[in-house]
Protein backbone atom coordinates (compact mmCIF):
# COMPACT_ATOMS: atom_id res chain seq x y z
CA MET A 1 -41.08 24.89 18.84
CA GLU A 2 -38.23 26.27 16.73
CA LYS A 3 -34.89 26.87 18.40
CA ARG A 4 -35.05 30.63 18.84
CA LEU A 5 -34.20 33.56 21.04
CA ILE A 6 -37.34 34.62 22.88
CA GLU A 7 -36.35 37.76 24.75
CA LEU A 8 -33.49 40.17 25.42
CA HIS A 9 -33.33 42.09 28.71
CA VAL A 10 -30.64 44.74 29.21
CA GLU A 11 -29.84 47.07 32.09
CA ASN A 12 -27.28 49.88 31.94
CA PHE A 13 -25.63 49.12 28.59
CA ARG A 14 -24.84 52.35 26.73
CA SER A 15 -28.26 54.05 26.22
CA LEU A 16 -30.18 50.94 27.29
CA LYS A 17 -31.00 51.79 30.91
CA LYS A 18 -33.70 49.14 31.23
CA VAL A 19 -35.00 47.44 28.09
CA THR A 20 -36.93 44.21 27.60
CA LEU A 21 -37.34 43.27 23.94
CA PRO A 22 -39.39 40.25 22.79
CA LEU A 23 -37.82 38.67 19.71
CA GLY A 24 -39.54 37.02 16.75
CA PRO A 25 -38.11 35.70 13.48
CA LEU A 26 -37.82 39.22 11.98
CA ASN A 27 -37.32 42.30 14.16
CA VAL A 28 -36.85 45.69 12.49
CA LEU A 29 -35.81 48.65 14.66
CA VAL A 30 -36.93 52.13 13.57
CA GLY A 31 -36.35 55.45 15.26
CA ALA A 32 -34.35 58.65 15.23
CA ASN A 33 -30.56 58.83 15.35
CA GLY A 34 -29.55 58.27 18.97
CA ALA A 35 -32.74 56.39 19.85
CA GLY A 36 -30.77 53.24 20.68
CA LYS A 37 -31.18 51.03 17.61
CA THR A 38 -27.45 50.52 17.16
CA ASN A 39 -26.96 49.83 20.86
CA VAL A 40 -29.36 46.88 20.73
CA LEU A 41 -27.21 45.40 17.97
CA LYS A 42 -24.07 46.15 19.99
CA VAL A 43 -25.35 44.02 22.88
CA PHE A 44 -25.10 40.96 20.65
CA ASP A 45 -21.77 42.07 19.25
CA PHE A 46 -20.50 42.34 22.84
CA LEU A 47 -21.81 38.88 23.80
CA SER A 48 -20.23 37.35 20.72
CA ASP A 49 -16.88 38.94 21.64
CA VAL A 50 -17.21 37.61 25.20
CA ILE A 51 -17.41 34.09 23.77
CA ARG A 52 -14.56 34.60 21.29
CA THR A 53 -12.12 36.58 23.44
CA ASP A 54 -13.51 36.48 27.02
CA LEU A 55 -15.14 39.15 29.16
CA GLU A 56 -12.17 41.33 30.09
CA PRO A 57 -10.87 41.74 26.49
CA ALA A 58 -14.42 42.43 25.29
CA LEU A 59 -14.71 45.29 27.80
CA GLN A 60 -11.25 46.63 27.00
CA GLU A 61 -12.00 46.61 23.27
CA ARG A 62 -14.85 49.03 24.01
CA GLY A 63 -12.83 51.38 26.20
CA GLY A 64 -13.51 49.74 29.56
CA PHE A 65 -16.47 49.42 31.90
CA ASP A 66 -17.23 53.16 32.10
CA GLU A 67 -17.58 53.37 28.31
CA VAL A 68 -19.98 50.41 28.18
CA VAL A 69 -22.39 51.17 31.03
CA PHE A 70 -25.35 53.58 30.78
CA TRP A 71 -24.26 56.97 29.53
CA GLY A 72 -26.95 59.02 31.28
CA GLY A 73 -26.85 60.52 34.77
CA GLU A 74 -24.04 62.26 36.61
CA ARG A 75 -22.05 59.10 37.38
CA PRO A 76 -21.66 55.71 35.68
CA PRO A 77 -23.84 52.97 37.24
CA ALA A 78 -22.16 50.36 39.41
CA SER A 79 -23.45 47.38 37.40
CA MET A 80 -24.53 46.19 33.97
CA LYS A 81 -26.81 43.23 33.22
CA ILE A 82 -27.68 41.26 30.07
CA ARG A 83 -30.21 38.42 30.17
CA LEU A 84 -31.38 36.18 27.34
CA LYS A 85 -34.34 33.82 27.22
CA ALA A 86 -34.26 31.21 24.47
CA ALA A 87 -35.49 27.81 23.40
CA TRP A 88 -32.13 26.37 22.38
CA THR A 89 -31.56 23.23 24.41
CA THR A 90 -33.40 19.93 23.90
CA HIS A 91 -36.20 20.34 26.44
CA ALA A 92 -36.60 24.12 26.40
CA SER A 93 -39.89 25.79 25.45
CA ARG A 94 -41.43 29.25 25.60
CA ASN A 95 -42.95 28.40 29.00
CA ALA A 96 -39.72 26.78 30.27
CA PRO A 97 -36.97 28.66 28.43
CA ASP A 98 -33.23 28.50 28.69
CA GLU A 99 -31.96 31.55 30.54
CA TYR A 100 -28.50 33.09 30.52
CA GLU A 101 -27.63 36.15 32.57
CA LEU A 102 -24.40 38.11 32.82
CA MET A 103 -23.91 40.82 35.43
CA VAL A 104 -20.75 42.90 35.70
CA THR A 105 -20.33 44.97 38.87
CA ARG A 106 -17.78 47.55 39.90
CA ARG A 107 -16.80 48.11 43.52
CA GLY A 108 -14.23 50.85 43.79
CA ARG A 109 -11.64 50.08 41.13
CA SER A 110 -12.40 46.36 41.05
CA LEU A 111 -14.72 44.58 38.63
CA SER A 112 -16.50 41.30 39.24
CA ARG A 113 -18.91 39.20 37.22
CA LYS A 114 -21.75 36.85 38.02
CA GLU A 115 -23.21 34.46 35.45
CA THR A 116 -26.30 32.31 35.70
CA PHE A 117 -27.51 29.50 33.41
CA GLN A 118 -30.91 27.88 33.80
CA PHE A 119 -32.32 25.11 31.62
CA LYS A 120 -34.89 22.34 31.77
CA ARG A 121 -34.06 18.65 31.88
CA THR A 122 -36.28 15.71 30.88
CA GLN A 123 -38.58 16.09 33.89
CA GLY A 124 -39.07 18.76 36.49
CA ARG A 125 -37.47 22.17 36.73
CA GLY A 126 -33.98 21.30 35.55
CA ARG A 127 -30.62 22.77 36.51
CA ARG A 128 -29.37 26.17 37.56
CA ILE A 129 -25.66 27.00 37.37
CA THR A 130 -24.28 30.10 39.05
CA ILE A 131 -20.72 31.40 38.73
CA THR A 132 -19.47 33.93 41.28
CA GLY A 133 -15.80 34.74 41.56
CA GLU A 134 -13.90 31.53 40.86
CA GLN A 135 -16.65 29.18 42.01
CA ALA A 136 -19.45 27.43 40.11
CA ALA A 137 -22.56 26.07 41.87
CA VAL A 138 -24.74 23.48 40.09
CA ILE A 139 -28.21 23.30 41.61
CA ASP A 140 -30.78 20.58 40.94
CA GLN A 141 -33.95 22.67 41.10
CA ASN A 142 -36.17 19.65 41.79
CA ARG A 143 -34.22 18.58 44.88
CA GLN A 144 -32.65 21.99 45.64
CA GLU A 145 -29.35 20.16 45.93
CA SER A 146 -26.20 22.16 45.26
CA GLN A 147 -22.80 20.94 44.21
CA GLU A 148 -19.97 23.48 44.23
CA THR A 149 -16.93 23.01 42.05
CA LEU A 150 -13.74 25.06 41.67
CA PHE A 151 -12.56 25.33 38.07
CA GLY A 152 -9.83 27.90 38.50
CA ILE A 153 -12.02 30.40 36.64
CA HIS A 154 -10.54 33.88 36.53
CA ARG A 155 -12.85 36.38 38.20
CA LEU A 156 -13.42 38.22 34.89
CA SER A 157 -13.59 35.15 32.64
CA SER A 158 -16.83 33.90 31.14
CA GLY A 159 -18.12 30.53 32.23
CA LEU A 160 -19.29 29.89 28.69
CA SER A 161 -15.79 28.72 27.77
CA THR A 162 -15.20 26.74 30.99
CA LEU A 163 -18.50 25.10 31.97
CA PRO A 164 -18.72 22.71 29.01
CA ARG A 165 -16.21 20.67 31.08
CA LEU A 166 -19.12 19.77 33.36
CA SER A 167 -20.56 16.29 33.03
CA ASP A 168 -23.77 15.81 31.08
CA ASN A 169 -25.69 15.28 34.32
CA GLU A 170 -24.39 18.60 35.67
CA GLY A 171 -25.35 20.47 32.50
CA GLY A 172 -22.22 20.48 30.34
CA THR A 173 -24.19 19.62 27.19
CA GLU A 174 -26.69 22.43 27.72
CA VAL A 175 -23.99 24.99 28.46
CA SER A 176 -22.15 23.93 25.30
CA THR A 177 -25.34 24.45 23.28
CA VAL A 178 -25.86 27.94 24.71
CA ALA A 179 -22.19 28.84 24.12
CA GLU A 180 -22.30 27.62 20.52
CA ARG A 181 -25.46 29.62 19.81
CA LEU A 182 -24.06 32.78 21.35
CA ALA A 183 -20.75 32.34 19.51
CA SER A 184 -22.63 32.18 16.21
CA LEU A 185 -24.37 35.55 16.73
CA ARG A 186 -23.08 38.07 14.21
CA VAL A 187 -23.40 41.69 13.20
CA PHE A 188 -23.33 41.68 9.39
CA ASP A 189 -22.10 44.71 7.46
CA VAL A 190 -21.00 44.37 3.85
CA SER A 191 -17.61 45.98 3.26
CA VAL A 192 -17.98 46.82 -0.41
CA SER A 193 -14.24 47.37 -0.89
CA LEU A 194 -13.38 43.96 0.61
CA ALA A 195 -16.26 42.14 -1.11
CA ARG A 196 -14.83 43.25 -4.49
CA GLU A 197 -11.62 41.33 -3.81
CA PRO A 198 -10.78 37.78 -5.00
CA SER A 199 -11.16 34.94 -2.50
CA ARG A 200 -8.34 32.49 -1.93
CA ILE A 201 -9.30 28.88 -2.62
CA ASN A 202 -6.57 26.69 -1.22
CA PRO A 203 -6.68 22.88 -1.39
CA SER A 204 -8.50 22.61 1.97
CA PHE A 205 -11.24 24.93 0.68
CA LEU A 206 -11.65 22.84 -2.46
CA ALA A 207 -11.78 19.68 -0.35
CA ARG A 208 -14.64 21.17 1.68
CA VAL A 209 -16.50 22.03 -1.51
CA ARG A 210 -16.12 18.48 -2.79
CA ARG A 211 -17.50 17.15 0.49
CA LEU A 212 -20.36 19.67 0.28
CA ALA A 213 -19.34 20.92 3.73
CA ARG A 214 -20.33 24.14 5.41
CA SER A 215 -18.62 27.37 4.42
CA ALA A 216 -19.27 30.52 6.46
CA LEU A 217 -19.91 33.94 4.96
CA ARG A 218 -17.76 36.42 6.89
CA ASP A 219 -19.39 39.25 8.83
CA ASP A 220 -18.07 41.83 6.32
CA ALA A 221 -18.66 39.64 3.21
CA SER A 222 -14.93 39.86 2.46
CA ASN A 223 -15.08 36.27 1.16
CA LEU A 224 -18.13 36.89 -1.01
CA ALA A 225 -16.55 35.36 -4.13
CA GLY A 226 -15.48 32.25 -2.24
CA PHE A 227 -18.87 31.85 -0.56
CA LEU A 228 -20.77 32.19 -3.85
CA PHE A 229 -18.39 29.68 -5.43
CA PHE A 230 -19.10 27.34 -2.51
CA LEU A 231 -22.86 27.76 -3.03
CA VAL A 232 -22.76 26.96 -6.74
CA GLN A 233 -20.74 23.82 -6.03
CA ALA A 234 -22.37 22.58 -2.81
CA HIS A 235 -25.89 24.05 -2.86
CA PRO A 236 -26.79 24.68 -6.52
CA ASP A 237 -30.51 25.14 -5.81
CA ALA A 238 -29.77 27.94 -3.34
CA PHE A 239 -27.38 29.55 -5.82
CA GLU A 240 -29.94 29.40 -8.63
CA GLN A 241 -32.54 31.11 -6.44
CA LEU A 242 -29.99 33.75 -5.44
CA GLN A 243 -29.23 34.35 -9.12
CA ARG A 244 -32.95 34.69 -9.95
CA ASP A 245 -33.37 37.17 -7.09
CA ALA A 246 -30.41 39.24 -8.26
CA ALA A 247 -31.81 39.32 -11.81
CA GLU A 248 -35.18 40.51 -10.48
CA VAL A 249 -33.52 43.61 -9.03
CA LEU A 250 -30.86 43.93 -11.76
CA PRO A 251 -32.82 43.37 -15.01
CA GLN A 252 -29.67 43.54 -17.16
CA LEU A 253 -28.10 40.61 -15.31
CA GLU A 254 -28.05 37.28 -17.17
CA THR A 255 -25.80 35.08 -15.01
CA ILE A 256 -23.35 35.21 -12.12
CA ASP A 257 -20.15 33.45 -13.14
CA PHE A 258 -16.62 32.88 -11.84
CA ASP A 259 -13.09 33.36 -13.09
CA PHE A 260 -9.70 32.23 -11.80
CA PRO A 261 -7.18 35.01 -12.61
CA SER A 262 -4.24 33.28 -10.88
CA GLY A 263 -5.08 29.80 -12.04
CA ALA A 264 -7.43 27.17 -10.64
CA GLY A 265 -6.84 26.32 -6.99
CA ARG A 266 -5.50 29.75 -5.96
CA GLU A 267 -8.21 32.42 -6.03
CA VAL A 268 -11.65 33.04 -7.50
CA ILE A 269 -13.45 36.22 -8.56
CA VAL A 270 -17.10 36.88 -9.40
CA VAL A 271 -18.00 38.13 -12.87
CA LEU A 272 -21.42 39.33 -13.97
CA ARG A 273 -22.66 38.57 -17.47
CA GLU A 274 -25.02 41.33 -18.54
CA ARG A 275 -27.23 41.92 -21.57
CA GLY A 276 -25.81 44.21 -24.22
CA LEU A 277 -22.20 43.96 -23.04
CA ARG A 278 -19.60 42.04 -25.06
CA ARG A 279 -17.51 41.27 -21.98
CA PRO A 280 -18.37 40.20 -18.43
CA THR A 281 -18.17 42.71 -15.60
CA PRO A 282 -15.83 41.73 -12.76
CA LEU A 283 -17.29 42.37 -9.34
CA ALA A 284 -14.43 44.83 -8.80
CA ASP A 285 -16.06 47.06 -11.45
CA ALA A 286 -19.68 46.59 -10.29
CA SER A 287 -21.63 49.36 -8.57
CA TYR A 288 -21.78 49.86 -4.82
CA GLY A 289 -25.46 48.88 -4.73
CA THR A 290 -24.89 45.73 -6.79
CA ILE A 291 -22.23 44.48 -4.38
CA ARG A 292 -24.37 45.31 -1.34
CA LEU A 293 -27.26 43.42 -2.91
CA LEU A 294 -25.18 40.32 -3.67
CA GLY A 295 -23.75 40.33 -0.14
CA LEU A 296 -27.22 40.47 1.41
CA LEU A 297 -28.59 37.78 -0.93
CA ALA A 298 -25.65 35.55 -0.04
CA LEU A 299 -26.55 36.04 3.62
CA LEU A 300 -30.24 35.29 3.03
CA HIS A 301 -29.53 32.12 1.02
CA ASP A 302 -26.98 30.74 3.48
CA PRO A 303 -28.07 27.09 4.03
CA THR A 304 -26.55 26.99 7.54
CA PRO A 305 -27.07 30.44 9.08
CA PRO A 306 -26.13 31.48 12.62
CA ALA A 307 -28.70 31.69 15.42
CA LEU A 308 -29.14 35.45 14.96
CA THR A 309 -27.90 38.00 12.45
CA CYS A 310 -27.90 41.74 13.19
CA ILE A 311 -27.78 44.18 10.27
CA GLU A 312 -27.58 47.96 10.48
CA GLU A 313 -29.07 50.09 7.68
CA ILE A 314 -29.92 47.04 5.59
CA ASP A 315 -31.41 49.22 2.83
CA HIS A 316 -28.26 51.36 2.41
CA GLY A 317 -27.27 51.62 -1.26
CA LEU A 318 -30.25 49.59 -2.52
CA HIS A 319 -32.87 50.68 -5.02
CA PRO A 320 -36.37 50.84 -3.47
CA GLN A 321 -37.56 48.11 -5.87
CA ALA A 322 -35.26 45.68 -4.03
CA LEU A 323 -37.02 46.16 -0.68
CA SER A 324 -40.08 43.99 -1.34
CA LEU A 325 -37.87 41.10 -2.42
CA LEU A 326 -35.58 41.66 0.56
CA VAL A 327 -38.43 41.50 3.09
CA GLU A 328 -39.84 38.39 1.43
CA ARG A 329 -36.46 36.63 1.63
CA LEU A 330 -35.95 37.77 5.22
CA ARG A 331 -39.22 36.11 6.18
CA GLU A 332 -38.29 32.91 4.37
CA ALA A 333 -34.84 32.82 5.98
CA GLY A 334 -36.52 33.55 9.30
CA GLU A 335 -37.88 30.01 9.25
CA ARG A 336 -34.38 28.76 10.12
CA THR A 337 -32.78 31.75 11.86
CA GLN A 338 -33.60 35.20 13.30
CA PHE A 339 -32.87 38.76 12.21
CA LEU A 340 -32.47 41.99 14.15
CA ILE A 341 -32.29 44.90 11.73
CA ALA A 342 -31.99 48.69 12.06
CA THR A 343 -33.29 51.04 9.37
CA HIS A 344 -34.21 54.64 8.65
CA SER A 345 -36.22 53.73 5.56
CA PRO A 346 -39.99 54.37 5.60
CA ALA A 347 -40.13 52.45 2.30
CA LEU A 348 -38.80 49.34 4.06
CA ALA A 349 -41.15 49.85 7.03
CA ASP A 350 -44.08 50.06 4.59
CA ARG A 351 -43.51 46.41 3.73
CA LEU A 352 -43.51 45.16 7.33
CA ARG A 353 -46.17 43.66 9.57
CA PRO A 354 -46.89 45.25 12.96
CA GLU A 355 -45.28 42.33 14.85
CA GLU A 356 -42.05 42.88 12.86
CA LEU A 357 -41.70 46.59 13.68
CA VAL A 358 -39.87 47.78 16.83
CA VAL A 359 -40.26 51.51 17.48
CA CYS A 360 -37.33 53.06 19.37
CA ARG A 361 -37.51 56.37 21.22
CA ARG A 362 -35.01 58.49 23.19
CA GLU A 363 -36.26 59.69 26.57
CA GLY A 364 -35.36 62.91 28.37
CA ASP A 365 -32.90 61.20 30.73
CA GLY A 366 -30.88 59.87 27.78
CA SER A 367 -32.29 56.35 28.01
CA SER A 368 -33.85 54.39 25.17
CA SER A 369 -37.45 53.20 25.24
CA ILE A 370 -37.48 49.95 23.23
CA PRO A 371 -40.07 48.94 22.19
CA ALA A 372 -41.78 52.30 22.61
CA LEU A 373 -45.06 50.74 21.43
CA SER A 374 -46.43 47.23 21.84
CA THR A 375 -47.60 45.21 18.84
CA ARG A 376 -51.17 45.69 20.05
CA GLN A 377 -50.73 49.47 20.10
CA ILE A 378 -49.26 49.44 16.59
CA ASN A 379 -52.17 47.29 15.37
CA ASP A 380 -54.64 49.75 16.92
CA ILE A 381 -52.94 52.68 15.18
CA VAL A 382 -52.98 50.86 11.82
CA GLU A 383 -56.66 50.01 12.28
CA ALA A 384 -57.52 53.60 13.17
CA SER A 385 -55.68 54.79 10.05
CA GLU A 386 -57.73 52.37 7.90
CA GLY A 387 -54.70 50.31 6.93
CA GLU A 388 -52.14 53.00 6.11
CA PRO A 389 -48.66 51.44 5.62
CA LEU A 390 -46.40 51.41 8.64
CA GLY A 391 -43.68 53.50 7.01
CA GLU A 392 -46.11 56.31 6.22
CA LEU A 393 -47.48 56.21 9.76
CA TRP A 394 -43.97 56.33 11.17
CA PHE A 395 -42.94 59.18 8.82
CA ALA A 396 -46.05 61.14 9.81
CA GLY A 397 -45.25 60.69 13.50
CA ALA A 398 -48.33 58.57 14.24
CA LEU A 399 -46.15 55.84 15.74
CA GLY A 400 -44.45 58.25 18.09
CA GLY A 401 -40.97 57.97 16.60
CA ASP A 402 -38.99 60.51 14.56
CA LEU A 403 -36.92 59.65 11.50
């Protein structure tokens, strides 16, 4: 089985009062404004920040506990919970998944957290690690033996940064794997203004290119020029396919090229060579939609993608003729990673399969119902409509969600 996230369960996070979302390679959220699409993406943004900065700073960045927990009701809830099921570690499977759970609880003015890791070993049920306060308990689930260890963990620190110190037998390797996967989760949003800018290519960058090493595309595509330059040097086949895809949507495009305005070894810019023009077009002068397209294609042709990429309004600024290509490339990239995408576009939904569509609905108590329909229910609706495209069904209200 591929190394994938299997399920997200959330309680009392923003509008997500109680949501359990199965996850496949491609998951596209549709629904009205305020239905909760963005909040699903923000769960992963929050988890990624917990890994990078720790739990307390991640809460403070969002205005504190009261701003993060469920917004409905007269008073904020006393606790928030996020649980992931995945097949990330060596012996995990859909029937015996890795599980990570984070619960944050408020008592009076004090906050506390509890974290649980569960994963399978070579034989039997595996290990369960629980962190409460400053104490970690490692439990052998076959023997029900428990070993408690004090790490000096702050009561609001995440064990994901501390538990890799455990020995391999206690589960340090598995915790490291989970932490690395969670740290790689990203919410991708092309900043067109930043993507227009040159990328610095210092000697260490050039050394990585010569070694054909990994180079990461930033979450805002602010290093788009540098990443494309890396691709053409280190992964020419991927770059050639990206160039063909861009030309399919931009018929005037002949080639994507590079220039070095400050001299080789300092910075690189992208220039587009187009039919009928006597001079190349620097990316700084390209259209908004062109830059958005190149940023998304760079993401989809990344040879070493993160475990999960979240994208809001993926179709924003793109011509409808780009959507079929985009969905095709998302499915291909989904063979090595996963996508969680929010959209308002019926034209994009038209190109999806029922198992890829996640209908989101806002309930009367302010909570989000996600998914509002099961895949089986969506299939039944499609069958009853004699195969009408999903976007048209959604637009017509047959799927129970407003635009």
